[in-house]
Amino acid sequence: MRRVAVPRTFAGAGSFLVGVLVALAPAGPAQAWDANAPVTRQFPELHSAYYDISVCEYCGLVTSEVADGFRREVADLVVRDGMSPDKDREVRLHAWTAADLEYGNRGLGGFRNWCRTEGQAAVRRFTGYGAATRPDAPAPE
């Protein structure tokens, strides 16, 4: 094996490149699982529904009304977007992973505020959607 001399100007290039890559890498829990990021941009509403129900599950906020609204909204989105079962699964897994990473990112007790803010917003979203789309719902005025 033959040794090659490396000029001093390139000797520290490895650590410099690592620093640049780290600085340019996307931050935050939503981008942490970047392999499927295009799916989240393709189907943001469906991704949001799966993420929100995960937040409700972590926070113990799933009631029959929340579950009903979630099921109705997801069913409507899947039909509207002509979603294949494989694509739906891909979106669902990405959303679950994003919620799991966010929960872990909150630290001990940090999830309480997450539940009060995002969790309660998700409850309002699903109960409102369920109430508006039930067959016995009053017609809008």
N, C-alpha and C. Protein backbone atom coordinates (compact mmCIF):
# COMPACT_ATOMS: atom_id res chain seq x y z
N MET A 1 0.84 -1.17 0.00
CA MET A 1 0.00 0.00 0.00
C MET A 1 0.89 1.23 0.00
N ARG A 2 0.55 2.16 -0.84
CA ARG A 2 1.34 3.37 -0.98
C ARG A 2 0.67 4.53 -0.27
N ARG A 3 1.45 5.31 0.44
CA ARG A 3 0.92 6.48 1.15
C ARG A 3 0.85 7.66 0.20
N VAL A 4 -0.19 8.45 0.39
CA VAL A 4 -0.35 9.66 -0.42
C VAL A 4 -0.28 10.84 0.51
N ALA A 5 0.48 11.81 0.14
CA ALA A 5 0.61 13.02 0.95
C ALA A 5 -0.62 13.91 0.73
N VAL A 6 -1.19 14.37 1.80
CA VAL A 6 -2.35 15.26 1.72
C VAL A 6 -1.90 16.65 2.09
N PRO A 7 -2.14 17.62 1.23
CA PRO A 7 -1.75 18.98 1.57
C PRO A 7 -2.44 19.45 2.84
N ARG A 8 -1.76 20.28 3.62
CA ARG A 8 -2.31 20.76 4.89
C ARG A 8 -3.64 21.49 4.71
N THR A 9 -3.86 22.11 3.60
CA THR A 9 -5.11 22.85 3.42
C THR A 9 -6.32 21.94 3.40
N PHE A 10 -6.13 20.65 3.06
CA PHE A 10 -7.25 19.72 3.03
C PHE A 10 -7.28 18.80 4.25
N ALA A 11 -6.32 18.91 5.12
CA ALA A 11 -6.23 17.99 6.26
C ALA A 11 -7.44 18.11 7.18
N GLY A 12 -7.97 19.31 7.39
CA GLY A 12 -9.13 19.49 8.27
C GLY A 12 -10.44 19.57 7.52
N ALA A 13 -10.42 19.24 6.25
CA ALA A 13 -11.63 19.38 5.43
C ALA A 13 -12.76 18.45 5.89
N GLY A 14 -12.42 17.28 6.40
CA GLY A 14 -13.45 16.33 6.84
C GLY A 14 -14.31 16.90 7.93
N SER A 15 -13.71 17.45 8.96
CA SER A 15 -14.50 18.01 10.05
C SER A 15 -15.26 19.26 9.59
N PHE A 16 -14.69 20.03 8.68
CA PHE A 16 -15.39 21.19 8.14
C PHE A 16 -16.64 20.76 7.39
N LEU A 17 -16.52 19.73 6.54
CA LEU A 17 -17.67 19.26 5.77
C LEU A 17 -18.76 18.70 6.68
N VAL A 18 -18.36 17.99 7.72
CA VAL A 18 -19.34 17.48 8.68
C VAL A 18 -20.08 18.64 9.33
N GLY A 19 -19.36 19.67 9.71
CA GLY A 19 -19.98 20.85 10.31
C GLY A 19 -20.96 21.53 9.37
N VAL A 20 -20.60 21.64 8.10
CA VAL A 20 -21.49 22.25 7.11
C VAL A 20 -22.74 21.40 6.93
N LEU A 21 -22.59 20.08 6.84
CA LEU A 21 -23.74 19.21 6.66
C LEU A 21 -24.68 19.27 7.86
N VAL A 22 -24.13 19.31 9.05
CA VAL A 22 -24.96 19.41 10.26
C VAL A 22 -25.70 20.73 10.28
N ALA A 23 -25.03 21.81 9.90
CA ALA A 23 -25.66 23.13 9.90
C ALA A 23 -26.78 23.22 8.87
N LEU A 24 -26.65 22.52 7.75
CA LEU A 24 -27.65 22.58 6.70
C LEU A 24 -28.77 21.57 6.85
N ALA A 25 -28.60 20.62 7.75
CA ALA A 25 -29.61 19.57 7.93
C ALA A 25 -30.88 20.17 8.51
N PRO A 26 -32.06 19.70 8.07
CA PRO A 26 -33.30 20.22 8.63
C PRO A 26 -33.43 19.85 10.10
N ALA A 27 -33.99 20.76 10.86
CA ALA A 27 -34.13 20.52 12.30
C ALA A 27 -35.59 20.29 12.64
N GLY A 28 -35.82 19.74 13.80
CA GLY A 28 -37.18 19.59 14.30
C GLY A 28 -37.71 18.19 14.10
N PRO A 29 -38.72 17.83 14.89
CA PRO A 29 -39.25 16.48 14.85
C PRO A 29 -39.95 16.14 13.54
N ALA A 30 -40.58 17.10 12.91
CA ALA A 30 -41.30 16.79 11.68
C ALA A 30 -40.37 16.39 10.55
N GLN A 31 -39.14 16.92 10.55
CA GLN A 31 -38.20 16.57 9.50
C GLN A 31 -37.25 15.46 9.91
N ALA A 32 -37.35 14.98 11.13
CA ALA A 32 -36.39 13.98 11.60
C ALA A 32 -36.48 12.68 10.81
N TRP A 33 -37.63 12.34 10.30
CA TRP A 33 -37.82 11.14 9.50
C TRP A 33 -38.01 11.62 8.07
N ASP A 34 -36.93 12.00 7.42
CA ASP A 34 -37.01 12.69 6.15
C ASP A 34 -37.19 11.77 4.96
N ALA A 35 -37.08 10.47 5.13
CA ALA A 35 -37.18 9.55 4.00
C ALA A 35 -38.54 9.66 3.31
N ASN A 36 -39.59 9.99 4.04
CA ASN A 36 -40.93 10.08 3.47
C ASN A 36 -41.46 11.51 3.42
N ALA A 37 -40.60 12.49 3.55
CA ALA A 37 -41.05 13.87 3.60
C ALA A 37 -41.91 14.26 2.41
N PRO A 38 -41.64 13.80 1.19
CA PRO A 38 -42.52 14.18 0.08
C PRO A 38 -43.96 13.72 0.29
N VAL A 39 -44.17 12.62 0.98
CA VAL A 39 -45.52 12.14 1.25
C VAL A 39 -46.27 13.14 2.11
N THR A 40 -45.59 13.76 3.05
CA THR A 40 -46.26 14.74 3.91
C THR A 40 -46.63 15.98 3.13
N ARG A 41 -45.85 16.32 2.13
CA ARG A 41 -46.19 17.47 1.29
C ARG A 41 -47.28 17.11 0.28
N GLN A 42 -47.34 15.86 -0.13
CA GLN A 42 -48.37 15.41 -1.07
C GLN A 42 -49.74 15.35 -0.41
N PHE A 43 -49.78 14.90 0.82
CA PHE A 43 -51.05 14.67 1.52
C PHE A 43 -51.00 15.31 2.91
N PRO A 44 -50.88 16.62 3.00
CA PRO A 44 -50.71 17.27 4.31
C PRO A 44 -51.91 17.12 5.23
N GLU A 45 -53.13 17.11 4.68
CA GLU A 45 -54.31 16.99 5.54
C GLU A 45 -54.41 15.61 6.16
N LEU A 46 -54.12 14.58 5.37
CA LEU A 46 -54.17 13.22 5.89
C LEU A 46 -53.06 13.01 6.92
N HIS A 47 -51.87 13.51 6.62
CA HIS A 47 -50.76 13.41 7.56
C HIS A 47 -51.13 14.10 8.87
N SER A 48 -51.73 15.27 8.77
CA SER A 48 -52.13 16.02 9.96
C SER A 48 -53.17 15.26 10.78
N ALA A 49 -54.11 14.60 10.11
CA ALA A 49 -55.13 13.83 10.83
C ALA A 49 -54.49 12.69 11.60
N TYR A 50 -53.59 11.95 10.96
CA TYR A 50 -52.92 10.84 11.65
C TYR A 50 -52.02 11.36 12.79
N TYR A 51 -51.34 12.46 12.56
CA TYR A 51 -50.49 13.05 13.61
C TYR A 51 -51.37 13.47 14.80
N ASP A 52 -52.47 14.15 14.49
CA ASP A 52 -53.35 14.66 15.56
C ASP A 52 -53.97 13.53 16.38
N ILE A 53 -54.38 12.44 15.73
CA ILE A 53 -54.96 11.35 16.52
C ILE A 53 -53.88 10.70 17.38
N SER A 54 -52.65 10.70 16.92
CA SER A 54 -51.55 10.18 17.73
C SER A 54 -51.34 11.05 18.97
N VAL A 55 -51.43 12.35 18.79
CA VAL A 55 -51.31 13.26 19.93
C VAL A 55 -52.44 12.97 20.92
N CYS A 56 -53.65 12.81 20.42
CA CYS A 56 -54.78 12.48 21.29
C CYS A 56 -54.53 11.18 22.05
N GLU A 57 -53.98 10.19 21.38
CA GLU A 57 -53.69 8.91 22.03
C GLU A 57 -52.64 9.08 23.12
N TYR A 58 -51.55 9.79 22.83
CA TYR A 58 -50.51 10.01 23.83
C TYR A 58 -51.07 10.73 25.05
N CYS A 59 -52.01 11.64 24.81
CA CYS A 59 -52.53 12.48 25.89
C CYS A 59 -53.76 11.89 26.58
N GLY A 60 -54.23 10.75 26.12
CA GLY A 60 -55.41 10.13 26.72
C GLY A 60 -56.69 10.90 26.43
N LEU A 61 -56.78 11.51 25.25
CA LEU A 61 -57.92 12.35 24.91
C LEU A 61 -58.89 11.71 23.92
N VAL A 62 -58.69 10.44 23.60
CA VAL A 62 -59.55 9.79 22.62
C VAL A 62 -60.85 9.36 23.28
N THR A 63 -61.93 9.96 22.82
CA THR A 63 -63.27 9.58 23.25
C THR A 63 -63.98 8.99 22.03
N SER A 64 -65.21 8.52 22.21
CA SER A 64 -65.93 7.98 21.06
C SER A 64 -66.21 9.07 20.02
N GLU A 65 -66.44 10.30 20.48
CA GLU A 65 -66.67 11.41 19.55
C GLU A 65 -65.41 11.75 18.77
N VAL A 66 -64.26 11.75 19.43
CA VAL A 66 -62.98 12.03 18.77
C VAL A 66 -62.69 10.93 17.74
N ALA A 67 -62.86 9.68 18.16
CA ALA A 67 -62.59 8.56 17.25
C ALA A 67 -63.52 8.59 16.04
N ASP A 68 -64.78 8.93 16.27
CA ASP A 68 -65.74 9.01 15.17
C ASP A 68 -65.35 10.10 14.17
N GLY A 69 -65.02 11.27 14.68
CA GLY A 69 -64.61 12.37 13.80
C GLY A 69 -63.34 12.04 13.04
N PHE A 70 -62.40 11.40 13.72
CA PHE A 70 -61.15 10.99 13.05
C PHE A 70 -61.45 10.00 11.92
N ARG A 71 -62.24 8.98 12.21
CA ARG A 71 -62.55 7.97 11.18
C ARG A 71 -63.27 8.60 9.99
N ARG A 72 -64.20 9.48 10.26
CA ARG A 72 -64.94 10.14 9.17
C ARG A 72 -64.01 11.01 8.32
N GLU A 73 -63.15 11.79 8.98
CA GLU A 73 -62.25 12.67 8.23
C GLU A 73 -61.26 11.88 7.39
N VAL A 74 -60.65 10.86 7.97
CA VAL A 74 -59.68 10.04 7.23
C VAL A 74 -60.37 9.35 6.05
N ALA A 75 -61.54 8.81 6.26
CA ALA A 75 -62.27 8.14 5.17
C ALA A 75 -62.55 9.12 4.03
N ASP A 76 -62.98 10.33 4.39
CA ASP A 76 -63.25 11.34 3.36
C ASP A 76 -61.98 11.74 2.61
N LEU A 77 -60.88 11.91 3.32
CA LEU A 77 -59.62 12.31 2.68
C LEU A 77 -59.08 11.21 1.77
N VAL A 78 -59.18 9.97 2.22
CA VAL A 78 -58.68 8.85 1.41
C VAL A 78 -59.48 8.75 0.11
N VAL A 79 -60.79 8.90 0.20
CA VAL A 79 -61.63 8.85 -1.01
C VAL A 79 -61.34 10.06 -1.90
N ARG A 80 -61.30 11.24 -1.31
CA ARG A 80 -61.08 12.46 -2.09
C ARG A 80 -59.77 12.41 -2.87
N ASP A 81 -58.71 11.91 -2.21
CA ASP A 81 -57.38 11.89 -2.83
C ASP A 81 -57.12 10.63 -3.64
N GLY A 82 -58.07 9.69 -3.70
CA GLY A 82 -57.86 8.45 -4.44
C GLY A 82 -56.65 7.69 -3.93
N MET A 83 -56.54 7.60 -2.63
CA MET A 83 -55.37 7.05 -1.95
C MET A 83 -55.32 5.53 -2.05
N SER A 84 -54.17 5.01 -2.44
CA SER A 84 -53.96 3.56 -2.43
C SER A 84 -53.67 3.12 -1.00
N PRO A 85 -53.95 1.87 -0.66
CA PRO A 85 -53.65 1.39 0.69
C PRO A 85 -52.16 1.53 1.05
N ASP A 86 -51.28 1.32 0.09
CA ASP A 86 -49.85 1.46 0.37
C ASP A 86 -49.47 2.90 0.68
N LYS A 87 -50.02 3.84 -0.08
CA LYS A 87 -49.71 5.25 0.15
C LYS A 87 -50.30 5.71 1.48
N ASP A 88 -51.52 5.24 1.78
CA ASP A 88 -52.15 5.57 3.06
C ASP A 88 -51.29 5.07 4.22
N ARG A 89 -50.80 3.87 4.09
CA ARG A 89 -49.93 3.29 5.13
C ARG A 89 -48.65 4.11 5.28
N GLU A 90 -48.09 4.55 4.17
CA GLU A 90 -46.87 5.35 4.21
C GLU A 90 -47.09 6.67 4.94
N VAL A 91 -48.19 7.34 4.63
CA VAL A 91 -48.52 8.60 5.31
C VAL A 91 -48.75 8.35 6.79
N ARG A 92 -49.50 7.30 7.11
CA ARG A 92 -49.81 6.97 8.51
C ARG A 92 -48.55 6.69 9.31
N LEU A 93 -47.65 5.90 8.75
CA LEU A 93 -46.40 5.58 9.47
C LEU A 93 -45.54 6.82 9.68
N HIS A 94 -45.50 7.69 8.69
CA HIS A 94 -44.71 8.91 8.85
C HIS A 94 -45.30 9.80 9.94
N ALA A 95 -46.62 9.92 9.95
CA ALA A 95 -47.28 10.76 10.96
C ALA A 95 -47.09 10.19 12.36
N TRP A 96 -47.24 8.87 12.50
CA TRP A 96 -47.03 8.24 13.80
C TRP A 96 -45.60 8.45 14.28
N THR A 97 -44.66 8.33 13.37
CA THR A 97 -43.25 8.51 13.73
C THR A 97 -43.00 9.95 14.16
N ALA A 98 -43.56 10.90 13.41
CA ALA A 98 -43.39 12.31 13.77
C ALA A 98 -43.97 12.60 15.15
N ALA A 99 -45.13 12.04 15.46
CA ALA A 99 -45.74 12.25 16.77
C ALA A 99 -44.91 11.59 17.86
N ASP A 100 -44.40 10.41 17.60
CA ASP A 100 -43.57 9.71 18.58
C ASP A 100 -42.29 10.49 18.85
N LEU A 101 -41.67 11.01 17.81
CA LEU A 101 -40.45 11.80 17.99
C LEU A 101 -40.75 13.09 18.76
N GLU A 102 -41.89 13.70 18.47
CA GLU A 102 -42.26 14.93 19.19
C GLU A 102 -42.52 14.63 20.66
N TYR A 103 -43.20 13.53 20.96
CA TYR A 103 -43.44 13.14 22.34
C TYR A 103 -42.11 12.94 23.07
N GLY A 104 -41.19 12.22 22.43
CA GLY A 104 -39.88 11.99 23.04
C GLY A 104 -39.07 13.27 23.18
N ASN A 105 -39.29 14.21 22.29
CA ASN A 105 -38.57 15.47 22.32
C ASN A 105 -39.03 16.37 23.47
N ARG A 106 -40.22 16.13 23.97
CA ARG A 106 -40.78 16.98 25.02
C ARG A 106 -40.12 16.77 26.38
N GLY A 107 -39.52 15.63 26.61
CA GLY A 107 -38.86 15.38 27.89
C GLY A 107 -39.86 15.07 28.98
N LEU A 108 -39.34 14.85 30.18
CA LEU A 108 -40.19 14.50 31.31
C LEU A 108 -41.16 15.62 31.63
N GLY A 109 -42.42 15.34 31.55
CA GLY A 109 -43.45 16.31 31.89
C GLY A 109 -43.71 17.35 30.82
N GLY A 110 -42.84 17.46 29.82
CA GLY A 110 -43.02 18.48 28.79
C GLY A 110 -44.21 18.23 27.89
N PHE A 111 -44.70 17.00 27.90
CA PHE A 111 -45.83 16.67 27.05
C PHE A 111 -47.12 17.28 27.56
N ARG A 112 -47.15 17.72 28.82
CA ARG A 112 -48.40 18.27 29.37
C ARG A 112 -48.87 19.50 28.59
N ASN A 113 -47.94 20.38 28.26
CA ASN A 113 -48.30 21.56 27.48
C ASN A 113 -48.71 21.15 26.06
N TRP A 114 -48.05 20.14 25.53
CA TRP A 114 -48.38 19.59 24.21
C TRP A 114 -49.83 19.12 24.21
N CYS A 115 -50.23 18.46 25.27
CA CYS A 115 -51.61 17.97 25.39
C CYS A 115 -52.60 19.11 25.52
N ARG A 116 -52.22 20.14 26.29
CA ARG A 116 -53.11 21.29 26.47
C ARG A 116 -53.28 22.09 25.19
N THR A 117 -52.26 22.13 24.35
CA THR A 117 -52.33 22.95 23.14
C THR A 117 -52.71 22.10 21.93
N GLU A 118 -51.77 21.32 21.41
CA GLU A 118 -52.04 20.51 20.21
C GLU A 118 -53.09 19.43 20.46
N GLY A 119 -53.06 18.84 21.64
CA GLY A 119 -54.02 17.79 21.94
C GLY A 119 -55.44 18.30 21.96
N GLN A 120 -55.67 19.41 22.64
CA GLN A 120 -57.02 19.98 22.71
C GLN A 120 -57.47 20.50 21.34
N ALA A 121 -56.54 21.05 20.56
CA ALA A 121 -56.89 21.49 19.20
C ALA A 121 -57.31 20.30 18.35
N ALA A 122 -56.64 19.17 18.51
CA ALA A 122 -56.99 17.97 17.76
C ALA A 122 -58.37 17.45 18.17
N VAL A 123 -58.66 17.50 19.47
CA VAL A 123 -59.98 17.09 19.95
C VAL A 123 -61.06 17.95 19.31
N ARG A 124 -60.85 19.27 19.31
CA ARG A 124 -61.83 20.18 18.69
C ARG A 124 -61.98 19.88 17.19
N ARG A 125 -60.87 19.60 16.54
CA ARG A 125 -60.90 19.30 15.10
C ARG A 125 -61.77 18.08 14.82
N PHE A 126 -61.51 17.00 15.53
CA PHE A 126 -62.21 15.75 15.24
C PHE A 126 -63.66 15.78 15.71
N THR A 127 -63.93 16.35 16.87
CA THR A 127 -65.33 16.41 17.32
C THR A 127 -66.14 17.32 16.41
N GLY A 128 -65.53 18.40 15.96
CA GLY A 128 -66.22 19.31 15.04
C GLY A 128 -66.50 18.65 13.70
N TYR A 129 -65.52 17.92 13.18
CA TYR A 129 -65.70 17.24 11.90
C TYR A 129 -66.76 16.15 12.02
N GLY A 130 -66.71 15.41 13.10
CA GLY A 130 -67.69 14.35 13.30
C GLY A 130 -69.09 14.90 13.42
N ALA A 131 -69.23 15.99 14.17
CA ALA A 131 -70.56 16.59 14.35
C ALA A 131 -71.09 17.15 13.03
N ALA A 132 -70.22 17.70 12.21
CA ALA A 132 -70.66 18.32 10.95
C ALA A 132 -70.99 17.29 9.88
N THR A 133 -70.44 16.08 10.00
CA THR A 133 -70.64 15.09 8.93
C THR A 133 -71.55 13.93 9.32
N ARG A 134 -72.07 13.93 10.54
CA ARG A 134 -73.01 12.88 10.93
C ARG A 134 -74.31 13.03 10.14
N PRO A 135 -74.93 11.90 9.80
CA PRO A 135 -76.20 11.99 9.05
C PRO A 135 -77.29 12.78 9.79
N ASP A 136 -77.26 12.74 11.11
CA ASP A 136 -78.28 13.46 11.88
C ASP A 136 -77.88 14.90 12.21
N ALA A 137 -76.77 15.37 11.61
CA ALA A 137 -76.30 16.74 11.88
C ALA A 137 -77.27 17.73 11.24
N PRO A 138 -77.51 18.86 11.93
CA PRO A 138 -78.39 19.88 11.35
C PRO A 138 -77.77 20.48 10.11
N ALA A 139 -78.62 20.84 9.16
CA ALA A 139 -78.13 21.45 7.91
C ALA A 139 -77.57 22.83 8.20
N PRO A 140 -76.47 23.22 7.52
CA PRO A 140 -75.91 24.56 7.73
C PRO A 140 -76.88 25.64 7.28
N GLU A 141 -76.88 26.75 7.99
CA GLU A 141 -77.82 27.85 7.67
C GLU A 141 -77.24 28.79 6.68
